[in-house]
């Protein structure tokens, strides 16, 4: 797999320390959920093959935005960091949020959501607690419902209590979550900045610097075993793959498209996930549309 090749408009290139070309404007934490929603709605409105998927993701983001706003308005904006203590802040919002997501979801996911909703408030809270302490990208509803809470903690600077997860370089320094995606910003020359590359946490959505020539799953740093795959159809997206562990994640290059919203554009690049899977790679963390 070390040779350069092209397949169906995909090309493989070696990882490079080269800096991205242009800068991008940082998103305000206050507006980030609304910007995600607006981006998903705009992409869904294009009417292409990804529109149905993005319409579902927009519906999901709409619910997450409501949950986030509700959390910000509760507790005078001061979470405890212990999910058991903070769950009452979500309270009666949880079941309606879950059912609203299920109503917009594909059939199998809708059925699972309806079943969890029918099980009642205690069952929903138990599912959230189980996910919080032992995360899995297969647990769609807990992940979707807890992302706003986790970002609320990150915004408030309240460290999660009792969530004993590893804090290695490829894990979120705030909550210990695994990366959902990689973001390429304009390069910062400082060694700690990672050459303009950051990982974004799948749980609390925090970004942290990460070296450009380094596998985000196994830590491989041999350039001959690392590559990215790019398609002209997604000029600002790429698949960052490792031949050592056979894992990958997608990168969103904000220097190529400054209006991109990484979490949303990563979903819009679903064909790249399908291609990577067909070529033997496993994603580090499935996104909220299961790809």
C-alpha atoms as a PDB file:
ATOM      1  CA  UNK A   1       0.000   0.000   0.000  1.00  0.00           C
ATOM      2  CA  UNK A   2       3.022   2.278   0.051  1.00  0.00           C
ATOM      3  CA  UNK A   3       2.941   3.126  -3.637  1.00  0.00           C
ATOM      4  CA  UNK A   4       1.161   6.195  -4.968  1.00  0.00           C
ATOM      5  CA  UNK A   5      -2.030   5.282  -6.791  1.00  0.00           C
ATOM      6  CA  UNK A   6      -5.264   6.765  -8.052  1.00  0.00           C
ATOM      7  CA  UNK A   7      -8.688   5.120  -7.999  1.00  0.00           C
ATOM      8  CA  UNK A   8     -11.996   6.652  -9.050  1.00  0.00           C
ATOM      9  CA  UNK A   9     -10.741  10.199  -8.621  1.00  0.00           C
ATOM     10  CA  UNK A  10      -9.087   9.361  -5.299  1.00  0.00           C
ATOM     11  CA  UNK A  11      -5.379   9.974  -4.928  1.00  0.00           C
ATOM     12  CA  UNK A  12      -2.958   8.916  -2.237  1.00  0.00           C
ATOM     13  CA  UNK A  13      -0.286  11.321  -1.069  1.00  0.00           C
ATOM     14  CA  UNK A  14       2.334  11.075   1.639  1.00  0.00           C
ATOM     15  CA  UNK A  15       1.839  13.064   4.811  1.00  0.00           C
ATOM     16  CA  UNK A  16       3.724  16.321   4.728  1.00  0.00           C
ATOM     17  CA  UNK A  17       4.910  18.814   7.287  1.00  0.00           C
ATOM     18  CA  UNK A  18       3.988  21.604   4.865  1.00  0.00           C
ATOM     19  CA  UNK A  19       1.877  24.371   6.310  1.00  0.00           C
ATOM     20  CA  UNK A  20      -1.712  24.969   5.170  1.00  0.00           C
ATOM     21  CA  UNK A  21      -2.121  27.789   2.707  1.00  0.00           C
ATOM     22  CA  UNK A  22      -4.574  30.199   4.238  1.00  0.00           C
ATOM     23  CA  UNK A  23      -6.025  31.049   7.616  1.00  0.00           C
ATOM     24  CA  UNK A  24      -9.611  30.696   8.825  1.00  0.00           C
ATOM     25  CA  UNK A  25     -11.781  32.536  11.279  1.00  0.00           C
ATOM     26  CA  UNK A  26     -12.283  30.794  14.599  1.00  0.00           C
ATOM     27  CA  UNK A  27     -15.837  30.059  15.603  1.00  0.00           C
ATOM     28  CA  UNK A  28     -17.270  31.723  18.674  1.00  0.00           C
ATOM     29  CA  UNK A  29     -18.291  29.163  21.298  1.00  0.00           C
ATOM     30  CA  UNK A  30     -21.461  31.161  21.892  1.00  0.00           C
ATOM     31  CA  UNK A  31     -22.626  30.685  18.305  1.00  0.00           C
ATOM     32  CA  UNK A  32     -21.126  27.322  17.439  1.00  0.00           C
ATOM     33  CA  UNK A  33     -24.309  25.223  17.609  1.00  0.00           C
ATOM     34  CA  UNK A  34     -26.262  27.652  15.463  1.00  0.00           C
ATOM     35  CA  UNK A  35     -23.444  27.769  12.918  1.00  0.00           C
ATOM     36  CA  UNK A  36     -23.427  23.982  12.719  1.00  0.00           C
ATOM     37  CA  UNK A  37     -27.165  23.944  12.155  1.00  0.00           C
ATOM     38  CA  UNK A  38     -27.045  26.646   9.495  1.00  0.00           C
ATOM     39  CA  UNK A  39     -24.253  24.855   7.657  1.00  0.00           C
ATOM     40  CA  UNK A  40     -26.137  21.537   7.706  1.00  0.00           C
ATOM     41  CA  UNK A  41     -29.301  23.216   6.426  1.00  0.00           C
ATOM     42  CA  UNK A  42     -27.381  24.957   3.650  1.00  0.00           C
ATOM     43  CA  UNK A  43     -25.693  21.748   2.508  1.00  0.00           C
ATOM     44  CA  UNK A  44     -28.951  19.785   2.692  1.00  0.00           C
ATOM     45  CA  UNK A  45     -30.644  22.400   0.502  1.00  0.00           C
ATOM     46  CA  UNK A  46     -28.286  21.667  -2.398  1.00  0.00           C
ATOM     47  CA  UNK A  47     -30.442  18.718  -3.388  1.00  0.00           C
ATOM     48  CA  UNK A  48     -27.574  16.306  -4.093  1.00  0.00           C
ATOM     49  CA  UNK A  49     -27.075  12.703  -3.013  1.00  0.00           C
ATOM     50  CA  UNK A  50     -26.140  13.774   0.527  1.00  0.00           C
ATOM     51  CA  UNK A  51     -29.240  15.920   1.081  1.00  0.00           C
ATOM     52  CA  UNK A  52     -31.304  13.313   2.926  1.00  0.00           C
ATOM     53  CA  UNK A  53     -28.442  12.446   5.252  1.00  0.00           C
ATOM     54  CA  UNK A  54     -27.743  16.122   5.938  1.00  0.00           C
ATOM     55  CA  UNK A  55     -31.431  16.864   6.506  1.00  0.00           C
ATOM     56  CA  UNK A  56     -31.414  14.241   9.258  1.00  0.00           C
ATOM     57  CA  UNK A  57     -28.224  15.685  10.709  1.00  0.00           C
ATOM     58  CA  UNK A  58     -29.768  19.167  10.639  1.00  0.00           C
ATOM     59  CA  UNK A  59     -32.778  17.841  12.568  1.00  0.00           C
ATOM     60  CA  UNK A  60     -30.399  16.304  15.104  1.00  0.00           C
ATOM     61  CA  UNK A  61     -28.443  19.550  15.448  1.00  0.00           C
ATOM     62  CA  UNK A  62     -31.686  21.453  15.957  1.00  0.00           C
ATOM     63  CA  UNK A  63     -32.446  19.248  18.971  1.00  0.00           C
ATOM     64  CA  UNK A  64     -28.884  19.561  20.281  1.00  0.00           C
ATOM     65  CA  UNK A  65     -29.087  23.335  19.994  1.00  0.00           C
ATOM     66  CA  UNK A  66     -32.243  23.339  22.130  1.00  0.00           C
ATOM     67  CA  UNK A  67     -30.594  21.104  24.730  1.00  0.00           C
ATOM     68  CA  UNK A  68     -27.513  23.305  24.836  1.00  0.00           C
ATOM     69  CA  UNK A  69     -29.595  26.471  25.238  1.00  0.00           C
ATOM     70  CA  UNK A  70     -31.597  24.793  28.010  1.00  0.00           C
ATOM     71  CA  UNK A  71     -28.417  23.793  29.843  1.00  0.00           C
ATOM     72  CA  UNK A  72     -26.946  27.272  29.546  1.00  0.00           C
ATOM     73  CA  UNK A  73     -30.118  28.712  31.059  1.00  0.00           C
ATOM     74  CA  UNK A  74     -30.123  26.261  33.974  1.00  0.00           C
ATOM     75  CA  UNK A  75     -27.947  26.173  37.096  1.00  0.00           C
ATOM     76  CA  UNK A  76     -27.014  29.798  36.436  1.00  0.00           C
ATOM     77  CA  UNK A  77     -24.570  28.425  33.867  1.00  0.00           C
ATOM     78  CA  UNK A  78     -22.548  26.476  36.460  1.00  0.00           C
ATOM     79  CA  UNK A  79     -22.495  22.676  35.988  1.00  0.00           C
ATOM     80  CA  UNK A  80     -21.033  20.485  38.721  1.00  0.00           C
ATOM     81  CA  UNK A  81     -19.069  18.185  36.400  1.00  0.00           C
ATOM     82  CA  UNK A  82     -20.739  15.091  37.882  1.00  0.00           C
ATOM     83  CA  UNK A  83     -23.308  13.807  35.392  1.00  0.00           C
ATOM     84  CA  UNK A  84     -25.475  12.286  38.119  1.00  0.00           C
ATOM     85  CA  UNK A  85     -25.837  15.716  39.718  1.00  0.00           C
ATOM     86  CA  UNK A  86     -26.254  17.572  36.434  1.00  0.00           C
ATOM     87  CA  UNK A  87     -28.878  15.285  34.864  1.00  0.00           C
ATOM     88  CA  UNK A  88     -31.732  17.168  36.582  1.00  0.00           C
ATOM     89  CA  UNK A  89     -30.694  20.185  34.482  1.00  0.00           C
ATOM     90  CA  UNK A  90     -31.822  18.199  31.450  1.00  0.00           C
ATOM     91  CA  UNK A  91     -34.766  16.725  33.313  1.00  0.00           C
ATOM     92  CA  UNK A  92     -37.957  16.701  31.275  1.00  0.00           C
ATOM     93  CA  UNK A  93     -36.077  17.761  28.126  1.00  0.00           C
ATOM     94  CA  UNK A  94     -34.448  14.361  27.605  1.00  0.00           C
ATOM     95  CA  UNK A  95     -37.366  12.243  26.418  1.00  0.00           C
ATOM     96  CA  UNK A  96     -38.843  14.877  24.044  1.00  0.00           C
ATOM     97  CA  UNK A  97     -35.359  15.437  22.611  1.00  0.00           C
ATOM     98  CA  UNK A  98     -34.818  11.725  22.095  1.00  0.00           C
ATOM     99  CA  UNK A  99     -38.202  11.291  20.399  1.00  0.00           C
ATOM    100  CA  UNK A 100     -37.658  14.343  18.196  1.00  0.00           C
ATOM    101  CA  UNK A 101     -34.405  12.823  16.943  1.00  0.00           C
ATOM    102  CA  UNK A 102     -36.079   9.443  16.447  1.00  0.00           C
ATOM    103  CA  UNK A 103     -38.857  11.037  14.405  1.00  0.00           C
ATOM    104  CA  UNK A 104     -36.312  12.340  11.886  1.00  0.00           C
ATOM    105  CA  UNK A 105     -34.080   9.246  11.933  1.00  0.00           C
ATOM    106  CA  UNK A 106     -33.885   6.331   9.475  1.00  0.00           C
ATOM    107  CA  UNK A 107     -36.173   3.409  10.319  1.00  0.00           C
ATOM    108  CA  UNK A 108     -33.843   1.210  12.398  1.00  0.00           C
ATOM    109  CA  UNK A 109     -32.548   4.152  14.394  1.00  0.00           C
ATOM    110  CA  UNK A 110     -36.059   5.513  14.811  1.00  0.00           C
ATOM    111  CA  UNK A 111     -37.241   2.200  16.264  1.00  0.00           C
ATOM    112  CA  UNK A 112     -34.360   2.102  18.751  1.00  0.00           C
ATOM    113  CA  UNK A 113     -35.127   5.664  19.835  1.00  0.00           C
ATOM    114  CA  UNK A 114     -38.814   4.971  20.264  1.00  0.00           C
ATOM    115  CA  UNK A 115     -38.051   1.890  22.361  1.00  0.00           C
ATOM    116  CA  UNK A 116     -35.689   3.822  24.621  1.00  0.00           C
ATOM    117  CA  UNK A 117     -38.219   6.634  24.935  1.00  0.00           C
ATOM    118  CA  UNK A 118     -40.971   4.166  25.831  1.00  0.00           C
ATOM    119  CA  UNK A 119     -38.751   2.684  28.550  1.00  0.00           C
ATOM    120  CA  UNK A 120     -39.069   5.933  30.489  1.00  0.00           C
ATOM    121  CA  UNK A 121     -36.951   8.627  32.089  1.00  0.00           C
ATOM    122  CA  UNK A 122     -34.955   6.319  34.372  1.00  0.00           C
ATOM    123  CA  UNK A 123     -33.926   4.091  31.463  1.00  0.00           C
ATOM    124  CA  UNK A 124     -32.842   7.104  29.411  1.00  0.00           C
ATOM    125  CA  UNK A 125     -30.755   8.449  32.285  1.00  0.00           C
ATOM    126  CA  UNK A 126     -29.184   5.011  32.865  1.00  0.00           C
ATOM    127  CA  UNK A 127     -28.228   4.837  29.180  1.00  0.00           C
ATOM    128  CA  UNK A 128     -26.592   8.258  29.391  1.00  0.00           C
ATOM    129  CA  UNK A 129     -24.660   7.358  32.529  1.00  0.00           C
ATOM    130  CA  UNK A 130     -23.452   4.080  31.007  1.00  0.00           C
ATOM    131  CA  UNK A 131     -22.193   5.888  27.915  1.00  0.00           C
ATOM    132  CA  UNK A 132     -20.555   8.664  29.932  1.00  0.00           C
ATOM    133  CA  UNK A 133     -18.316   6.281  31.848  1.00  0.00           C
ATOM    134  CA  UNK A 134     -17.767   3.759  29.019  1.00  0.00           C
ATOM    135  CA  UNK A 135     -18.202   5.592  25.691  1.00  0.00           C
ATOM    136  CA  UNK A 136     -18.957   3.729  22.471  1.00  0.00           C
ATOM    137  CA  UNK A 137     -19.660   5.133  19.024  1.00  0.00           C
ATOM    138  CA  UNK A 138     -22.313   2.413  18.670  1.00  0.00           C
ATOM    139  CA  UNK A 139     -24.435   4.118  21.352  1.00  0.00           C
ATOM    140  CA  UNK A 140     -26.004   6.746  19.130  1.00  0.00           C
ATOM    141  CA  UNK A 141     -28.656   8.332  21.357  1.00  0.00           C
ATOM    142  CA  UNK A 142     -26.522   8.777  24.496  1.00  0.00           C
ATOM    143  CA  UNK A 143     -23.748  10.326  22.399  1.00  0.00           C
ATOM    144  CA  UNK A 144     -26.171  12.668  20.637  1.00  0.00           C
ATOM    145  CA  UNK A 145     -27.883  13.742  23.856  1.00  0.00           C
ATOM    146  CA  UNK A 146     -24.659  14.232  25.828  1.00  0.00           C
ATOM    147  CA  UNK A 147     -22.620  16.215  23.302  1.00  0.00           C
ATOM    148  CA  UNK A 148     -24.342  19.489  24.341  1.00  0.00           C
ATOM    149  CA  UNK A 149     -23.732  18.685  28.015  1.00  0.00           C
ATOM    150  CA  UNK A 150     -20.074  17.835  27.393  1.00  0.00           C
ATOM    151  CA  UNK A 151     -19.527  21.043  25.459  1.00  0.00           C
ATOM    152  CA  UNK A 152     -21.278  22.966  28.240  1.00  0.00           C
ATOM    153  CA  UNK A 153     -18.713  21.539  30.669  1.00  0.00           C
ATOM    154  CA  UNK A 154     -15.848  22.431  28.355  1.00  0.00           C
ATOM    155  CA  UNK A 155     -17.116  25.975  27.882  1.00  0.00           C
ATOM    156  CA  UNK A 156     -17.477  26.412  31.642  1.00  0.00           C
ATOM    157  CA  UNK A 157     -14.047  24.875  32.277  1.00  0.00           C
ATOM    158  CA  UNK A 158     -15.554  22.294  34.641  1.00  0.00           C
ATOM    159  CA  UNK A 159     -13.583  19.041  34.435  1.00  0.00           C
ATOM    160  CA  UNK A 160     -15.806  15.935  34.211  1.00  0.00           C
ATOM    161  CA  UNK A 161     -15.839  14.144  37.547  1.00  0.00           C
ATOM    162  CA  UNK A 162     -15.541  10.374  37.776  1.00  0.00           C
ATOM    163  CA  UNK A 163     -14.897   9.914  34.051  1.00  0.00           C
ATOM    164  CA  UNK A 164     -11.641   8.011  34.360  1.00  0.00           C
ATOM    165  CA  UNK A 165     -10.497   7.880  30.750  1.00  0.00           C
ATOM    166  CA  UNK A 166      -6.945   8.039  29.408  1.00  0.00           C
ATOM    167  CA  UNK A 167      -5.445  11.462  28.715  1.00  0.00           C
ATOM    168  CA  UNK A 168      -2.899  10.441  26.078  1.00  0.00           C
ATOM    169  CA  UNK A 169      -1.816  12.685  23.215  1.00  0.00           C
ATOM    170  CA  UNK A 170      -4.489  11.226  20.941  1.00  0.00           C
ATOM    171  CA  UNK A 171      -7.241  11.630  23.542  1.00  0.00           C
ATOM    172  CA  UNK A 172      -9.067  14.806  24.454  1.00  0.00           C
ATOM    173  CA  UNK A 173      -7.124  16.597  27.210  1.00  0.00           C
ATOM    174  CA  UNK A 174     -10.406  17.800  28.690  1.00  0.00           C
ATOM    175  CA  UNK A 175     -12.678  14.744  28.836  1.00  0.00           C
ATOM    176  CA  UNK A 176     -10.565  11.846  27.542  1.00  0.00           C
ATOM    177  CA  UNK A 177     -12.721  11.318  24.453  1.00  0.00           C
ATOM    178  CA  UNK A 178     -11.380   9.931  21.184  1.00  0.00           C
ATOM    179  CA  UNK A 179     -11.066  12.174  18.121  1.00  0.00           C
ATOM    180  CA  UNK A 180     -13.990  12.469  15.721  1.00  0.00           C
ATOM    181  CA  UNK A 181     -12.018  14.270  13.049  1.00  0.00           C
ATOM    182  CA  UNK A 182      -8.963  16.338  12.262  1.00  0.00           C
ATOM    183  CA  UNK A 183      -9.022  20.043  11.405  1.00  0.00           C
ATOM    184  CA  UNK A 184      -6.332  21.828   9.416  1.00  0.00           C
ATOM    185  CA  UNK A 185      -5.917  25.476  10.368  1.00  0.00           C
ATOM    186  CA  UNK A 186      -3.316  27.978   9.239  1.00  0.00           C
ATOM    187  CA  UNK A 187      -0.038  26.738  10.689  1.00  0.00           C
ATOM    188  CA  UNK A 188       1.349  28.052  13.963  1.00  0.00           C
ATOM    189  CA  UNK A 189       5.140  27.757  14.052  1.00  0.00           C
ATOM    190  CA  UNK A 190       5.272  26.870  17.745  1.00  0.00           C
ATOM    191  CA  UNK A 191       6.097  23.181  18.437  1.00  0.00           C
ATOM    192  CA  UNK A 192       2.991  22.781  20.607  1.00  0.00           C
ATOM    193  CA  UNK A 193       0.677  23.869  17.809  1.00  0.00           C
ATOM    194  CA  UNK A 194       1.011  20.679  15.783  1.00  0.00           C
ATOM    195  CA  UNK A 195       1.762  22.436  12.489  1.00  0.00           C
ATOM    196  CA  UNK A 196      -1.777  23.716  12.131  1.00  0.00           C
ATOM    197  CA  UNK A 197      -3.458  20.345  12.711  1.00  0.00           C
ATOM    198  CA  UNK A 198      -5.938  19.804  15.525  1.00  0.00           C
ATOM    199  CA  UNK A 199      -8.091  16.884  16.560  1.00  0.00           C
ATOM    200  CA  UNK A 200     -11.707  17.439  17.565  1.00  0.00           C
ATOM    201  CA  UNK A 201     -13.159  15.387  20.401  1.00  0.00           C
ATOM    202  CA  UNK A 202     -16.126  13.175  19.571  1.00  0.00           C
ATOM    203  CA  UNK A 203     -17.695  13.840  22.979  1.00  0.00           C
ATOM    204  CA  UNK A 204     -17.121  17.433  24.120  1.00  0.00           C
ATOM    205  CA  UNK A 205     -16.033  18.754  20.677  1.00  0.00           C
ATOM    206  CA  UNK A 206     -12.907  20.380  22.135  1.00  0.00           C
ATOM    207  CA  UNK A 207      -9.990  20.825  19.715  1.00  0.00           C
ATOM    208  CA  UNK A 208      -6.369  20.184  20.661  1.00  0.00           C
ATOM    209  CA  UNK A 209      -3.089  20.400  18.707  1.00  0.00           C
ATOM    210  CA  UNK A 210      -1.767  17.201  17.170  1.00  0.00           C
ATOM    211  CA  UNK A 211       1.265  16.596  14.980  1.00  0.00           C
ATOM    212  CA  UNK A 212       0.588  16.466  11.257  1.00  0.00           C
ATOM    213  CA  UNK A 213       2.710  13.352  10.630  1.00  0.00           C
ATOM    214  CA  UNK A 214       1.306  11.048  13.298  1.00  0.00           C
ATOM    215  CA  UNK A 215      -1.482   8.466  13.328  1.00  0.00           C
ATOM    216  CA  UNK A 216      -4.270   9.620  15.634  1.00  0.00           C
ATOM    217  CA  UNK A 217      -5.039   6.021  16.574  1.00  0.00           C
ATOM    218  CA  UNK A 218      -1.796   4.059  17.064  1.00  0.00           C
ATOM    219  CA  UNK A 219       0.841   6.793  17.075  1.00  0.00           C
ATOM    220  CA  UNK A 220       2.650   5.604  13.933  1.00  0.00           C
ATOM    221  CA  UNK A 221       5.018   8.317  12.699  1.00  0.00           C
ATOM    222  CA  UNK A 222       6.749   6.607   9.774  1.00  0.00           C
ATOM    223  CA  UNK A 223       5.759   8.691   6.744  1.00  0.00           C
ATOM    224  CA  UNK A 224       5.944   5.590   4.532  1.00  0.00           C
ATOM    225  CA  UNK A 225       3.058   4.044   6.473  1.00  0.00           C
ATOM    226  CA  UNK A 226       0.907   7.175   6.624  1.00  0.00           C
ATOM    227  CA  UNK A 227      -0.958   8.796   3.766  1.00  0.00           C
ATOM    228  CA  UNK A 228      -4.010  10.795   2.938  1.00  0.00           C
ATOM    229  CA  UNK A 229      -6.565  10.066   0.258  1.00  0.00           C
ATOM    230  CA  UNK A 230      -8.203  12.945  -1.536  1.00  0.00           C
ATOM    231  CA  UNK A 231     -10.991  13.254  -4.102  1.00  0.00           C
ATOM    232  CA  UNK A 232     -11.596  16.286  -6.293  1.00  0.00           C
ATOM    233  CA  UNK A 233     -15.280  15.991  -5.389  1.00  0.00           C
ATOM    234  CA  UNK A 234     -14.420  16.986  -1.799  1.00  0.00           C
ATOM    235  CA  UNK A 235     -11.586  19.446  -2.236  1.00  0.00           C
ATOM    236  CA  UNK A 236     -11.409  20.498   1.432  1.00  0.00           C
ATOM    237  CA  UNK A 237     -11.739  16.976   2.856  1.00  0.00           C
ATOM    238  CA  UNK A 238      -9.370  14.044   2.976  1.00  0.00           C
ATOM    239  CA  UNK A 239      -8.995  10.615   4.542  1.00  0.00           C
ATOM    240  CA  UNK A 240      -5.973  10.393   6.869  1.00  0.00           C
ATOM    241  CA  UNK A 241      -5.077   6.695   6.925  1.00  0.00           C
ATOM    242  CA  UNK A 242      -2.503   4.499   8.643  1.00  0.00           C
ATOM    243  CA  UNK A 243      -1.265   1.237   7.127  1.00  0.00           C
ATOM    244  CA  UNK A 244       0.073   0.051  10.490  1.00  0.00           C
ATOM    245  CA  UNK A 245      -3.226  -0.071  12.389  1.00  0.00           C
ATOM    246  CA  UNK A 246      -5.562   0.217   9.368  1.00  0.00           C
ATOM    247  CA  UNK A 247      -7.501   3.056  11.005  1.00  0.00           C
ATOM    248  CA  UNK A 248      -8.442   6.437   9.625  1.00  0.00           C
ATOM    249  CA  UNK A 249     -10.222   9.683  10.298  1.00  0.00           C
ATOM    250  CA  UNK A 250     -11.247  12.511   8.008  1.00  0.00           C
ATOM    251  CA  UNK A 251      -9.588  15.921   7.956  1.00  0.00           C
ATOM    252  CA  UNK A 252     -11.395  19.163   7.185  1.00  0.00           C
ATOM    253  CA  UNK A 253      -9.031  21.703   5.642  1.00  0.00           C
ATOM    254  CA  UNK A 254     -10.208  25.176   6.602  1.00  0.00           C
ATOM    255  CA  UNK A 255      -7.436  26.710   4.534  1.00  0.00           C
ATOM    256  CA  UNK A 256      -9.156  25.368   1.420  1.00  0.00           C
ATOM    257  CA  UNK A 257     -12.710  26.277   2.463  1.00  0.00           C
ATOM    258  CA  UNK A 258     -12.938  28.800   5.271  1.00  0.00           C
ATOM    259  CA  UNK A 259     -16.745  28.602   5.540  1.00  0.00           C
ATOM    260  CA  UNK A 260     -16.647  24.889   6.310  1.00  0.00           C
ATOM    261  CA  UNK A 261     -17.914  23.791   9.727  1.00  0.00           C
ATOM    262  CA  UNK A 262     -15.793  20.734  10.539  1.00  0.00           C
ATOM    263  CA  UNK A 263     -18.383  18.623  12.351  1.00  0.00           C
ATOM    264  CA  UNK A 264     -20.921  19.152   9.556  1.00  0.00           C
ATOM    265  CA  UNK A 265     -18.599  18.966   6.562  1.00  0.00           C
ATOM    266  CA  UNK A 266     -17.179  15.724   7.946  1.00  0.00           C
ATOM    267  CA  UNK A 267     -20.689  14.252   7.729  1.00  0.00           C
ATOM    268  CA  UNK A 268     -21.185  15.684   4.233  1.00  0.00           C
ATOM    269  CA  UNK A 269     -18.096  13.750   3.119  1.00  0.00           C
ATOM    270  CA  UNK A 270     -19.828  10.400   3.730  1.00  0.00           C
ATOM    271  CA  UNK A 271     -18.676   8.941   0.363  1.00  0.00           C
ATOM    272  CA  UNK A 272     -15.096   9.169   1.653  1.00  0.00           C
ATOM    273  CA  UNK A 273     -16.066   6.956   4.607  1.00  0.00           C
ATOM    274  CA  UNK A 274     -17.634   4.401   2.290  1.00  0.00           C
ATOM    275  CA  UNK A 275     -14.516   4.398   0.125  1.00  0.00           C
ATOM    276  CA  UNK A 276     -12.220   3.987   3.140  1.00  0.00           C
ATOM    277  CA  UNK A 277     -14.301   1.116   4.492  1.00  0.00           C
ATOM    278  CA  UNK A 278     -14.258  -0.640   1.112  1.00  0.00           C
ATOM    279  CA  UNK A 279     -10.465  -0.389   1.131  1.00  0.00           C
ATOM    280  CA  UNK A 280     -10.017  -2.047   4.503  1.00  0.00           C
ATOM    281  CA  UNK A 281      -9.775   0.914   6.871  1.00  0.00           C
ATOM    282  CA  UNK A 282     -11.716   1.246  10.132  1.00  0.00           C
ATOM    283  CA  UNK A 283     -12.779   4.661  11.353  1.00  0.00           C
ATOM    284  CA  UNK A 284     -11.430   5.744  14.731  1.00  0.00           C
ATOM    285  CA  UNK A 285     -14.881   6.998  15.762  1.00  0.00           C
ATOM    286  CA  UNK A 286     -18.162   6.729  13.870  1.00  0.00           C
ATOM    287  CA  UNK A 287     -19.967  10.053  13.546  1.00  0.00           C
ATOM    288  CA  UNK A 288     -23.593  10.691  14.464  1.00  0.00           C
ATOM    289  CA  UNK A 289     -24.888   9.422  11.130  1.00  0.00           C
ATOM    290  CA  UNK A 290     -23.112   6.098  11.675  1.00  0.00           C
ATOM    291  CA  UNK A 291     -20.262   6.633   9.203  1.00  0.00           C
END
